[in-house]
Protein backbone atom coordinates (compact mmCIF):
# COMPACT_ATOMS: atom_id res chain seq x y z
CA MET A 1 94.29 132.02 113.45
CA SER A 2 93.39 129.97 116.49
CA ASP A 3 93.01 131.18 120.05
CA HIS A 4 96.14 132.00 122.01
CA ILE A 5 97.31 129.58 124.69
CA ALA A 6 99.58 130.05 127.66
CA TYR A 7 103.13 128.68 127.52
CA ASP A 8 102.21 126.32 130.36
CA ASP A 9 99.53 124.79 128.09
CA PHE A 10 102.20 124.05 125.48
CA LEU A 11 104.40 122.41 128.13
CA LYS A 12 101.63 119.91 128.90
CA VAL A 13 102.03 118.36 125.43
CA ASP A 14 105.05 116.03 125.57
CA ILE A 15 106.42 115.85 122.02
CA ARG A 16 109.53 113.69 121.61
CA VAL A 17 111.79 112.59 118.78
CA GLY A 18 111.97 108.88 118.08
CA LYS A 19 113.36 106.48 115.51
CA VAL A 20 111.08 104.10 113.61
CA ILE A 21 112.38 100.60 114.34
CA ASP A 22 109.55 98.64 112.70
CA ALA A 23 106.76 99.44 110.26
CA GLN A 24 104.07 97.02 109.10
CA PRO A 25 100.95 97.33 106.95
CA PHE A 26 97.74 97.60 109.01
CA PRO A 27 95.06 95.98 106.83
CA GLU A 28 92.58 95.80 109.73
CA ALA A 29 92.37 99.61 109.97
CA ARG A 30 89.25 101.32 108.56
CA LYS A 31 91.44 103.67 106.48
CA PRO A 32 94.77 102.57 104.97
CA ALA A 33 97.43 102.77 107.67
CA ILE A 34 100.83 101.57 108.81
CA ILE A 35 101.69 100.37 112.31
CA LEU A 36 104.86 102.09 113.47
CA GLU A 37 107.06 100.96 116.34
CA VAL A 38 109.10 103.94 117.50
CA ASP A 39 112.08 103.99 119.89
CA PHE A 40 112.05 107.14 122.04
CA GLY A 41 115.17 106.23 124.03
CA PRO A 42 115.53 104.94 127.60
CA GLU A 43 113.31 107.51 129.37
CA VAL A 44 110.17 106.88 127.26
CA GLY A 45 110.95 103.51 125.68
CA THR A 46 109.36 101.97 122.60
CA ARG A 47 105.80 102.81 121.59
CA LYS A 48 103.43 101.76 118.80
CA SER A 49 101.25 104.01 116.68
CA SER A 50 98.85 103.64 113.77
CA ALA A 51 99.52 106.22 111.07
CA GLN A 52 97.45 106.97 107.97
CA ILE A 53 100.51 107.69 105.85
CA THR A 54 100.19 105.18 103.01
CA LYS A 55 100.00 107.78 100.21
CA TYR A 56 103.70 108.71 100.42
CA TYR A 57 105.31 106.05 102.59
CA GLU A 58 105.97 102.32 102.30
CA PRO A 59 106.71 100.43 105.54
CA GLU A 60 110.26 99.48 104.53
CA GLN A 61 111.11 103.15 103.75
CA LEU A 62 110.21 104.23 107.28
CA ILE A 63 112.74 102.10 109.18
CA GLY A 64 115.39 104.37 110.69
CA ARG A 65 113.42 107.57 110.06
CA LEU A 66 113.31 110.18 112.84
CA VAL A 67 109.76 111.28 113.68
CA LEU A 68 108.09 113.54 116.24
CA ALA A 69 105.23 112.22 118.34
CA VAL A 70 103.04 113.14 121.29
CA VAL A 71 103.91 110.57 123.97
CA ASN A 72 101.62 111.61 126.83
CA PHE A 73 98.20 110.86 125.36
CA PRO A 74 96.44 107.87 126.95
CA PRO A 75 96.63 104.66 124.89
CA LYS A 76 93.88 104.33 122.27
CA GLN A 77 92.46 101.12 120.83
CA ILE A 78 92.56 101.19 117.02
CA GLY A 79 91.13 97.96 115.68
CA PRO A 80 93.17 95.08 117.09
CA MET A 81 96.14 97.24 118.18
CA MET A 82 96.70 99.69 121.03
CA SER A 83 98.16 103.00 119.85
CA GLN A 84 100.55 104.40 122.48
CA CYS A 85 101.59 107.69 120.87
CA LEU A 86 100.54 110.09 118.11
CA VAL A 87 103.10 110.44 115.33
CA LEU A 88 102.88 113.96 113.91
CA GLY A 89 102.46 115.14 110.34
CA VAL A 90 100.99 117.96 108.32
CA PRO A 91 98.63 117.81 105.33
CA ASP A 92 99.82 118.60 101.83
CA GLU A 93 97.63 120.38 99.24
CA GLU A 94 95.58 117.18 98.79
CA GLY A 95 95.14 116.58 102.52
CA GLU A 96 97.61 113.67 102.56
CA VAL A 97 99.90 113.32 105.59
CA VAL A 98 103.55 114.34 105.37
CA LEU A 99 105.55 113.25 108.44
CA ILE A 100 107.40 115.72 110.66
CA GLY A 101 110.82 114.76 111.96
CA ALA A 102 114.31 115.95 112.77
CA ASP A 103 116.57 116.65 109.79
CA ARG A 104 119.75 115.66 111.70
CA GLU A 105 120.63 112.87 114.09
CA VAL A 106 119.62 113.88 117.61
CA PRO A 107 119.40 111.88 120.85
CA LEU A 108 116.27 109.74 120.94
CA GLY A 109 113.67 111.00 123.36
CA GLY A 110 114.64 114.66 122.97
CA ARG A 111 111.69 116.87 123.84
CA LEU A 112 110.40 119.52 121.47
CA PHE A 113 110.68 123.06 122.83
């Protein structure tokens, strides 16, 4: 188990729900990846992210999917693209990423609590 944190520490991490509106292969990435464009609603807007999720996901399958992402990290250069959020997932038994998202339609931009 990891160290305990204060609730205020948790509140610093801004995790929002968004809908994937575009997904493209990212052949320039060092490890196989997909570039996701995610709509987080009017407050946050649209952000791009590089995700190493090619084991279980094809770009065309991701369109319309609800995902959770950290939206308050600073942008990070990944090859030729600027990643603007961190889409969240968990590893399976083989260490491959399985995306985390909402299992019902919810308003885009809703914050995790």
